């Protein structure tokens, strides 16, 4: 059975899943492009926004 061939989520290049050290990406570049999308909030997991904790807004720790 041959290893699965998948497409890089960033550039859509086909890669061998078993041999890719950056999986699911084809390269470090594609991995960093994806990370940048998350950090700039262009990507997000859908759902309701979590309520803000009043102590967290003031910079205080919840554990005392």
Protein backbone atom coordinates (compact mmCIF):
# COMPACT_ATOMS: atom_id res chain seq x y z
CA UNK A 1 0.00 0.00 0.00
CA UNK A 2 1.51 3.34 -1.05
CA UNK A 3 1.52 6.35 1.29
CA UNK A 4 -1.35 8.77 0.74
CA UNK A 5 -0.85 11.73 -1.56
CA UNK A 6 -2.46 14.90 -0.20
CA UNK A 7 -2.63 18.51 -1.33
CA UNK A 8 -0.93 21.28 0.61
CA UNK A 9 -3.69 23.44 2.11
CA UNK A 10 -1.84 26.62 1.13
CA UNK A 11 -0.54 26.10 -2.42
CA UNK A 12 -2.43 22.89 -3.37
CA UNK A 13 0.79 21.11 -4.46
CA UNK A 14 0.55 17.34 -4.11
CA UNK A 15 2.80 15.85 -1.42
CA UNK A 16 3.52 12.42 -0.01
CA UNK A 17 2.05 12.50 3.51
CA UNK A 18 4.62 10.13 5.01
CA UNK A 19 7.68 11.97 3.64
CA UNK A 20 6.68 15.59 4.34
CA UNK A 21 8.35 17.01 7.47
CA UNK A 22 5.99 20.03 7.33
CA UNK A 23 2.75 18.08 6.91
CA UNK A 24 0.08 18.90 6.11
CA UNK A 25 2.08 21.60 4.28
CA UNK A 26 4.62 21.06 1.52
CA UNK A 27 7.20 23.49 2.91
CA UNK A 28 8.13 25.82 5.75
CA UNK A 29 6.99 28.74 3.57
CA UNK A 30 3.45 27.36 3.20
CA UNK A 31 3.32 26.59 6.93
CA UNK A 32 4.27 30.19 7.78
CA UNK A 33 1.76 31.63 5.30
CA UNK A 34 -0.97 29.63 7.05
CA UNK A 35 0.24 30.69 10.50
CA UNK A 36 0.19 34.33 9.38
CA UNK A 37 -3.45 33.94 8.38
CA UNK A 38 -4.34 32.77 11.89
CA UNK A 39 -2.27 35.47 13.61
CA UNK A 40 -3.79 38.26 11.50
CA UNK A 41 -7.26 36.81 12.23
CA UNK A 42 -8.01 36.17 8.55
CA UNK A 43 -8.74 32.61 9.69
CA UNK A 44 -10.85 31.63 12.67
CA UNK A 45 -12.78 28.69 14.03
CA UNK A 46 -16.49 29.53 13.84
CA UNK A 47 -18.39 29.82 17.06
CA UNK A 48 -19.62 32.24 19.65
CA UNK A 49 -17.18 34.72 21.14
CA UNK A 50 -16.14 33.76 24.64
CA UNK A 51 -17.18 36.22 27.36
CA UNK A 52 -14.36 38.36 28.71
CA UNK A 53 -13.34 37.77 32.32
CA UNK A 54 -13.28 41.05 34.30
CA UNK A 55 -10.08 40.01 36.12
CA UNK A 56 -8.34 39.16 32.83
CA UNK A 57 -9.14 42.64 31.50
CA UNK A 58 -7.40 44.19 34.52
CA UNK A 59 -4.35 41.97 34.10
CA UNK A 60 -5.03 40.08 37.32
CA UNK A 61 -4.64 36.33 37.63
CA UNK A 62 -7.74 34.22 38.25
CA UNK A 63 -5.76 32.11 40.73
CA UNK A 64 -5.16 33.81 44.07
